[in-house]
Amino acid sequence: MIHDDNYYYDIIRSNIKKYREIKGLTQQQLADKAGISMNYIAKIESKKMQRGFTIVVLGRIADALEIDIKLLFEIDK
């Protein structure tokens, strides 16, 4: 099955939020640790940004969350 782009972005968005909440971080704390703006994190998590983040940003977020980047791509069952 071929999924549209939003399908993949939504998986990544929900995983960023999930792991941020598991780590007990606010959006501002995650942004500070990742070296990006809180507004950018908020947009990513809220679906306001379409095709707006790169693998470099995902790497920074994963590093800030202290997780393997591949976890951002996992589909919750």
PDB file of N, CA and C in Angstrom:
ATOM      1  N   MET A   1       0.829  -1.178   0.000  1.00  0.00           N
ATOM      2  CA  MET A   1       0.000   0.000   0.000  1.00  0.00           C
ATOM      3  C   MET A   1       0.880   1.251   0.000  1.00  0.00           C
ATOM      4  N   ILE A   2       0.506   2.206  -0.813  1.00  0.00           N
ATOM      5  CA  ILE A   2       1.225   3.476  -0.876  1.00  0.00           C
ATOM      6  C   ILE A   2       0.464   4.499  -0.026  1.00  0.00           C
ATOM      7  N   HIS A   3       1.162   5.100   0.924  1.00  0.00           N
ATOM      8  CA  HIS A   3       0.558   6.110   1.787  1.00  0.00           C
ATOM      9  C   HIS A   3       0.909   7.498   1.272  1.00  0.00           C
ATOM     10  N   ASP A   4       0.050   8.459   1.570  1.00  0.00           N
ATOM     11  CA  ASP A   4       0.382   9.832   1.182  1.00  0.00           C
ATOM     12  C   ASP A   4       1.421  10.398   2.153  1.00  0.00           C
ATOM     13  N   ASP A   5       1.989  11.532   1.792  1.00  0.00           N
ATOM     14  CA  ASP A   5       3.058  12.131   2.594  1.00  0.00           C
ATOM     15  C   ASP A   5       2.622  12.416   4.030  1.00  0.00           C
ATOM     16  N   ASN A   6       1.390  12.879   4.193  1.00  0.00           N
ATOM     17  CA  ASN A   6       0.913  13.233   5.529  1.00  0.00           C
ATOM     18  C   ASN A   6       0.945  12.045   6.476  1.00  0.00           C
ATOM     19  N   TYR A   7       0.745  10.867   5.960  1.00  0.00           N
ATOM     20  CA  TYR A   7       0.784   9.655   6.777  1.00  0.00           C
ATOM     21  C   TYR A   7       2.129   9.550   7.506  1.00  0.00           C
ATOM     22  N   TYR A   8       3.197   9.741   6.782  1.00  0.00           N
ATOM     23  CA  TYR A   8       4.534   9.610   7.374  1.00  0.00           C
ATOM     24  C   TYR A   8       4.850  10.769   8.312  1.00  0.00           C
ATOM     25  N   TYR A   9       4.470  11.971   7.908  1.00  0.00           N
ATOM     26  CA  TYR A   9       4.689  13.122   8.783  1.00  0.00           C
ATOM     27  C   TYR A   9       3.922  12.963  10.094  1.00  0.00           C
ATOM     28  N   ASP A  10       2.701  12.447  10.012  1.00  0.00           N
ATOM     29  CA  ASP A  10       1.896  12.266  11.223  1.00  0.00           C
ATOM     30  C   ASP A  10       2.522  11.250  12.172  1.00  0.00           C
ATOM     31  N   ILE A  11       3.116  10.197  11.637  1.00  0.00           N
ATOM     32  CA  ILE A  11       3.813   9.214  12.477  1.00  0.00           C
ATOM     33  C   ILE A  11       4.954   9.894  13.230  1.00  0.00           C
ATOM     34  N   ILE A  12       5.748  10.665  12.513  1.00  0.00           N
ATOM     35  CA  ILE A  12       6.891  11.343  13.136  1.00  0.00           C
ATOM     36  C   ILE A  12       6.423  12.352  14.168  1.00  0.00           C
ATOM     37  N   ARG A  13       5.404  13.148  13.819  1.00  0.00           N
ATOM     38  CA  ARG A  13       4.869  14.141  14.758  1.00  0.00           C
ATOM     39  C   ARG A  13       4.415  13.502  16.070  1.00  0.00           C
ATOM     40  N   SER A  14       3.623  12.440  15.941  1.00  0.00           N
ATOM     41  CA  SER A  14       3.079  11.817  17.151  1.00  0.00           C
ATOM     42  C   SER A  14       4.189  11.197  17.987  1.00  0.00           C
ATOM     43  N   ASN A  15       5.220  10.656  17.336  1.00  0.00           N
ATOM     44  CA  ASN A  15       6.336  10.075  18.087  1.00  0.00           C
ATOM     45  C   ASN A  15       7.164  11.141  18.795  1.00  0.00           C
ATOM     46  N   ILE A  16       7.367  12.277  18.157  1.00  0.00           N
ATOM     47  CA  ILE A  16       8.092  13.366  18.825  1.00  0.00           C
ATOM     48  C   ILE A  16       7.349  13.768  20.085  1.00  0.00           C
ATOM     49  N   LYS A  17       6.047  13.982  19.965  1.00  0.00           N
ATOM     50  CA  LYS A  17       5.248  14.382  21.128  1.00  0.00           C
ATOM     51  C   LYS A  17       5.246  13.289  22.195  1.00  0.00           C
ATOM     52  N   LYS A  18       5.086  12.037  21.765  1.00  0.00           N
ATOM     53  CA  LYS A  18       5.055  10.923  22.709  1.00  0.00           C
ATOM     54  C   LYS A  18       6.346  10.850  23.519  1.00  0.00           C
ATOM     55  N   TYR A  19       7.484  10.861  22.842  1.00  0.00           N
ATOM     56  CA  TYR A  19       8.754  10.741  23.556  1.00  0.00           C
ATOM     57  C   TYR A  19       9.072  11.994  24.371  1.00  0.00           C
ATOM     58  N   ARG A  20       8.643  13.150  23.906  1.00  0.00           N
ATOM     59  CA  ARG A  20       8.835  14.372  24.689  1.00  0.00           C
ATOM     60  C   ARG A  20       8.067  14.260  26.006  1.00  0.00           C
ATOM     61  N   GLU A  21       6.831  13.784  25.921  1.00  0.00           N
ATOM     62  CA  GLU A  21       6.019  13.644  27.134  1.00  0.00           C
ATOM     63  C   GLU A  21       6.549  12.546  28.048  1.00  0.00           C
ATOM     64  N   ILE A  22       7.016  11.443  27.481  1.00  0.00           N
ATOM     65  CA  ILE A  22       7.624  10.374  28.282  1.00  0.00           C
ATOM     66  C   ILE A  22       8.829  10.906  29.062  1.00  0.00           C
ATOM     67  N   LYS A  23       9.617  11.759  28.414  1.00  0.00           N
ATOM     68  CA  LYS A  23      10.807  12.336  29.060  1.00  0.00           C
ATOM     69  C   LYS A  23      10.447  13.471  30.010  1.00  0.00           C
ATOM     70  N   GLY A  24       9.166  13.872  30.029  1.00  0.00           N
ATOM     71  CA  GLY A  24       8.741  14.934  30.932  1.00  0.00           C
ATOM     72  C   GLY A  24       9.223  16.313  30.525  1.00  0.00           C
ATOM     73  N   LEU A  25       9.408  16.512  29.231  1.00  0.00           N
ATOM     74  CA  LEU A  25       9.903  17.795  28.734  1.00  0.00           C
ATOM     75  C   LEU A  25       8.770  18.648  28.170  1.00  0.00           C
ATOM     76  N   THR A  26       8.870  19.948  28.383  1.00  0.00           N
ATOM     77  CA  THR A  26       7.972  20.872  27.708  1.00  0.00           C
ATOM     78  C   THR A  26       8.499  21.087  26.287  1.00  0.00           C
ATOM     79  N   GLN A  27       7.677  21.699  25.457  1.00  0.00           N
ATOM     80  CA  GLN A  27       8.156  22.012  24.113  1.00  0.00           C
ATOM     81  C   GLN A  27       9.364  22.935  24.183  1.00  0.00           C
ATOM     82  N   GLN A  28       9.346  23.887  25.117  1.00  0.00           N
ATOM     83  CA  GLN A  28      10.468  24.816  25.257  1.00  0.00           C
ATOM     84  C   GLN A  28      11.738  24.088  25.672  1.00  0.00           C
ATOM     85  N   GLN A  29      11.623  23.162  26.605  1.00  0.00           N
ATOM     86  CA  GLN A  29      12.803  22.409  27.051  1.00  0.00           C
ATOM     87  C   GLN A  29      13.378  21.572  25.917  1.00  0.00           C
ATOM     88  N   LEU A  30      12.512  20.927  25.137  1.00  0.00           N
ATOM     89  CA  LEU A  30      12.993  20.138  24.007  1.00  0.00           C
ATOM     90  C   LEU A  30      13.659  21.041  22.977  1.00  0.00           C
ATOM     91  N   ALA A  31      13.037  22.162  22.703  1.00  0.00           N
ATOM     92  CA  ALA A  31      13.606  23.105  21.739  1.00  0.00           C
ATOM     93  C   ALA A  31      14.992  23.570  22.179  1.00  0.00           C
ATOM     94  N   ASP A  32      15.118  23.909  23.457  1.00  0.00           N
ATOM     95  CA  ASP A  32      16.412  24.360  23.984  1.00  0.00           C
ATOM     96  C   ASP A  32      17.476  23.270  23.845  1.00  0.00           C
ATOM     97  N   LYS A  33      17.112  22.044  24.182  1.00  0.00           N
ATOM     98  CA  LYS A  33      18.069  20.938  24.085  1.00  0.00           C
ATOM     99  C   LYS A  33      18.449  20.635  22.635  1.00  0.00           C
ATOM    100  N   ALA A  34      17.496  20.824  21.710  1.00  0.00           N
ATOM    101  CA  ALA A  34      17.737  20.505  20.304  1.00  0.00           C
ATOM    102  C   ALA A  34      18.343  21.673  19.531  1.00  0.00           C
ATOM    103  N   GLY A  35      18.370  22.841  20.139  1.00  0.00           N
ATOM    104  CA  GLY A  35      18.928  24.014  19.465  1.00  0.00           C
ATOM    105  C   GLY A  35      18.023  24.562  18.375  1.00  0.00           C
ATOM    106  N   ILE A  36      16.722  24.412  18.558  1.00  0.00           N
ATOM    107  CA  ILE A  36      15.752  24.968  17.605  1.00  0.00           C
ATOM    108  C   ILE A  36      14.702  25.742  18.401  1.00  0.00           C
ATOM    109  N   SER A  37      13.852  26.484  17.716  1.00  0.00           N
ATOM    110  CA  SER A  37      12.890  27.318  18.432  1.00  0.00           C
ATOM    111  C   SER A  37      11.701  26.514  18.941  1.00  0.00           C
ATOM    112  N   MET A  38      11.116  26.991  20.028  1.00  0.00           N
ATOM    113  CA  MET A  38       9.929  26.360  20.586  1.00  0.00           C
ATOM    114  C   MET A  38       8.782  26.452  19.586  1.00  0.00           C
ATOM    115  N   ASN A  39       8.697  27.546  18.862  1.00  0.00           N
ATOM    116  CA  ASN A  39       7.656  27.715  17.856  1.00  0.00           C
ATOM    117  C   ASN A  39       7.750  26.620  16.790  1.00  0.00           C
ATOM    118  N   TYR A  40       8.957  26.262  16.430  1.00  0.00           N
ATOM    119  CA  TYR A  40       9.187  25.209  15.433  1.00  0.00           C
ATOM    120  C   TYR A  40       8.707  23.854  15.960  1.00  0.00           C
ATOM    121  N   ILE A  41       9.041  23.541  17.204  1.00  0.00           N
ATOM    122  CA  ILE A  41       8.569  22.294  17.830  1.00  0.00           C
ATOM    123  C   ILE A  41       7.043  22.286  17.881  1.00  0.00           C
ATOM    124  N   ALA A  42       6.454  23.395  18.288  1.00  0.00           N
ATOM    125  CA  ALA A  42       4.992  23.486  18.380  1.00  0.00           C
ATOM    126  C   ALA A  42       4.341  23.251  17.021  1.00  0.00           C
ATOM    127  N   LYS A  43       4.911  23.824  15.978  1.00  0.00           N
ATOM    128  CA  LYS A  43       4.360  23.637  14.634  1.00  0.00           C
ATOM    129  C   LYS A  43       4.482  22.186  14.184  1.00  0.00           C
ATOM    130  N   ILE A  44       5.610  21.587  14.451  1.00  0.00           N
ATOM    131  CA  ILE A  44       5.798  20.182  14.072  1.00  0.00           C
ATOM    132  C   ILE A  44       4.755  19.306  14.761  1.00  0.00           C
ATOM    133  N   GLU A  45       4.576  19.498  16.046  1.00  0.00           N
ATOM    134  CA  GLU A  45       3.647  18.656  16.800  1.00  0.00           C
ATOM    135  C   GLU A  45       2.184  18.910  16.455  1.00  0.00           C
ATOM    136  N   SER A  46       1.857  20.113  15.992  1.00  0.00           N
ATOM    137  CA  SER A  46       0.451  20.453  15.777  1.00  0.00           C
ATOM    138  C   SER A  46      -0.017  20.337  14.332  1.00  0.00           C
ATOM    139  N   LYS A  47       0.785  19.784  13.467  1.00  0.00           N
ATOM    140  CA  LYS A  47       0.435  19.564  12.056  1.00  0.00           C
ATOM    141  C   LYS A  47       0.333  20.853  11.249  1.00  0.00           C
ATOM    142  N   LYS A  48       0.793  21.971  11.789  1.00  0.00           N
ATOM    143  CA  LYS A  48       0.729  23.225  11.042  1.00  0.00           C
ATOM    144  C   LYS A  48       1.820  23.308   9.982  1.00  0.00           C
ATOM    145  N   MET A  49       2.820  22.470  10.114  1.00  0.00           N
ATOM    146  CA  MET A  49       3.953  22.518   9.204  1.00  0.00           C
ATOM    147  C   MET A  49       3.930  21.278   8.314  1.00  0.00           C
ATOM    148  N   GLN A  50       3.718  21.485   7.055  1.00  0.00           N
ATOM    149  CA  GLN A  50       3.740  20.384   6.100  1.00  0.00           C
ATOM    150  C   GLN A  50       5.094  20.365   5.392  1.00  0.00           C
ATOM    151  N   ARG A  51       5.735  19.212   5.373  1.00  0.00           N
ATOM    152  CA  ARG A  51       7.030  19.041   4.717  1.00  0.00           C
ATOM    153  C   ARG A  51       8.048  20.080   5.196  1.00  0.00           C
ATOM    154  N   GLY A  52       8.000  20.341   6.489  1.00  0.00           N
ATOM    155  CA  GLY A  52       8.812  21.429   6.989  1.00  0.00           C
ATOM    156  C   GLY A  52       9.964  21.043   7.873  1.00  0.00           C
ATOM    157  N   PHE A  53      10.306  19.768   7.964  1.00  0.00           N
ATOM    158  CA  PHE A  53      11.453  19.436   8.791  1.00  0.00           C
ATOM    159  C   PHE A  53      12.358  18.462   8.050  1.00  0.00           C
ATOM    160  N   THR A  54      13.634  18.587   8.319  1.00  0.00           N
ATOM    161  CA  THR A  54      14.643  17.793   7.625  1.00  0.00           C
ATOM    162  C   THR A  54      15.143  16.669   8.523  1.00  0.00           C
ATOM    163  N   ILE A  55      15.899  15.799   7.958  1.00  0.00           N
ATOM    164  CA  ILE A  55      16.515  14.712   8.711  1.00  0.00           C
ATOM    165  C   ILE A  55      17.470  15.275   9.762  1.00  0.00           C
ATOM    166  N   VAL A  56      18.086  16.416   9.481  1.00  0.00           N
ATOM    167  CA  VAL A  56      18.979  17.050  10.454  1.00  0.00           C
ATOM    168  C   VAL A  56      18.185  17.490  11.680  1.00  0.00           C
ATOM    169  N   VAL A  57      17.022  18.094  11.461  1.00  0.00           N
ATOM    170  CA  VAL A  57      16.173  18.513  12.580  1.00  0.00           C
ATOM    171  C   VAL A  57      15.708  17.289  13.363  1.00  0.00           C
ATOM    172  N   LEU A  58      15.312  16.242  12.659  1.00  0.00           N
ATOM    173  CA  LEU A  58      14.895  15.012  13.349  1.00  0.00           C
ATOM    174  C   LEU A  58      16.044  14.437  14.167  1.00  0.00           C
ATOM    175  N   GLY A  59      17.241  14.493  13.638  1.00  0.00           N
ATOM    176  CA  GLY A  59      18.413  14.017  14.377  1.00  0.00           C
ATOM    177  C   GLY A  59      18.642  14.815  15.637  1.00  0.00           C
ATOM    178  N   ARG A  60      18.511  16.131  15.543  1.00  0.00           N
ATOM    179  CA  ARG A  60      18.681  16.985  16.725  1.00  0.00           C
ATOM    180  C   ARG A  60      17.616  16.677  17.775  1.00  0.00           C
ATOM    181  N   ILE A  61      16.375  16.484  17.311  1.00  0.00           N
ATOM    182  CA  ILE A  61      15.289  16.177  18.241  1.00  0.00           C
ATOM    183  C   ILE A  61      15.531  14.825  18.910  1.00  0.00           C
ATOM    184  N   ALA A  62      15.911  13.827  18.123  1.00  0.00           N
ATOM    185  CA  ALA A  62      16.195  12.503  18.693  1.00  0.00           C
ATOM    186  C   ALA A  62      17.333  12.576  19.703  1.00  0.00           C
ATOM    187  N   ASP A  63      18.382  13.313  19.373  1.00  0.00           N
ATOM    188  CA  ASP A  63      19.503  13.476  20.307  1.00  0.00           C
ATOM    189  C   ASP A  63      19.038  14.151  21.595  1.00  0.00           C
ATOM    190  N   ALA A  64      18.219  15.177  21.457  1.00  0.00           N
ATOM    191  CA  ALA A  64      17.719  15.902  22.631  1.00  0.00           C
ATOM    192  C   ALA A  64      16.832  15.006  23.496  1.00  0.00           C
ATOM    193  N   LEU A  65      16.098  14.108  22.840  1.00  0.00           N
ATOM    194  CA  LEU A  65      15.243  13.170  23.566  1.00  0.00           C
ATOM    195  C   LEU A  65      16.023  11.960  24.082  1.00  0.00           C
ATOM    196  N   GLU A  66      17.280  11.853  23.663  1.00  0.00           N
ATOM    197  CA  GLU A  66      18.155  10.738  24.031  1.00  0.00           C
ATOM    198  C   GLU A  66      17.566   9.400  23.585  1.00  0.00           C
ATOM    199  N   ILE A  67      17.102   9.392  22.326  1.00  0.00           N
ATOM    200  CA  ILE A  67      16.562   8.175  21.721  1.00  0.00           C
ATOM    201  C   ILE A  67      17.215   7.962  20.364  1.00  0.00           C
ATOM    202  N   ASP A  68      17.120   6.740  19.859  1.00  0.00           N
ATOM    203  CA  ASP A  68      17.579   6.431  18.519  1.00  0.00           C
ATOM    204  C   ASP A  68      16.595   7.063  17.530  1.00  0.00           C
ATOM    205  N   ILE A  69      17.107   7.710  16.511  1.00  0.00           N
ATOM    206  CA  ILE A  69      16.257   8.395  15.546  1.00  0.00           C
ATOM    207  C   ILE A  69      15.208   7.466  14.922  1.00  0.00           C
ATOM    208  N   LYS A  70      15.519   6.184  14.820  1.00  0.00           N
ATOM    209  CA  LYS A  70      14.572   5.265  14.190  1.00  0.00           C
ATOM    210  C   LYS A  70      13.264   5.158  14.965  1.00  0.00           C
ATOM    211  N   LEU A  71      13.300   5.466  16.263  1.00  0.00           N
ATOM    212  CA  LEU A  71      12.073   5.426  17.058  1.00  0.00           C
ATOM    213  C   LEU A  71      11.059   6.475  16.598  1.00  0.00           C
ATOM    214  N   LEU A  72      11.533   7.535  15.957  1.00  0.00           N
ATOM    215  CA  LEU A  72      10.619   8.559  15.453  1.00  0.00           C
ATOM    216  C   LEU A  72       9.808   8.070  14.252  1.00  0.00           C
ATOM    217  N   PHE A  73      10.236   6.973  13.668  1.00  0.00           N
ATOM    218  CA  PHE A  73       9.574   6.427  12.483  1.00  0.00           C
ATOM    219  C   PHE A  73       8.706   5.207  12.779  1.00  0.00           C
ATOM    220  N   GLU A  74       8.674   4.780  14.050  1.00  0.00           N
ATOM    221  CA  GLU A  74       7.916   3.576  14.391  1.00  0.00           C
ATOM    222  C   GLU A  74       6.423   3.835  14.405  1.00  0.00           C
ATOM    223  N   ILE A  75       5.680   2.876  13.877  1.00  0.00           N
ATOM    224  CA  ILE A  75       4.235   2.967  13.834  1.00  0.00           C
ATOM    225  C   ILE A  75       3.679   2.281  15.073  1.00  0.00           C
ATOM    226  N   ASP A  76       2.875   3.032  15.859  1.00  0.00           N
ATOM    227  CA  ASP A  76       2.233   2.436  17.037  1.00  0.00           C
ATOM    228  C   ASP A  76       1.199   1.428  16.580  1.00  0.00           C
ATOM    229  N   LYS A  77       1.230   0.303  17.202  1.00  0.00           N
ATOM    230  CA  LYS A  77       0.274  -0.766  16.854  1.00  0.00           C
ATOM    231  C   LYS A  77      -0.875  -0.755  17.831  1.00  0.00           C
TER     232      LYS A  77
END
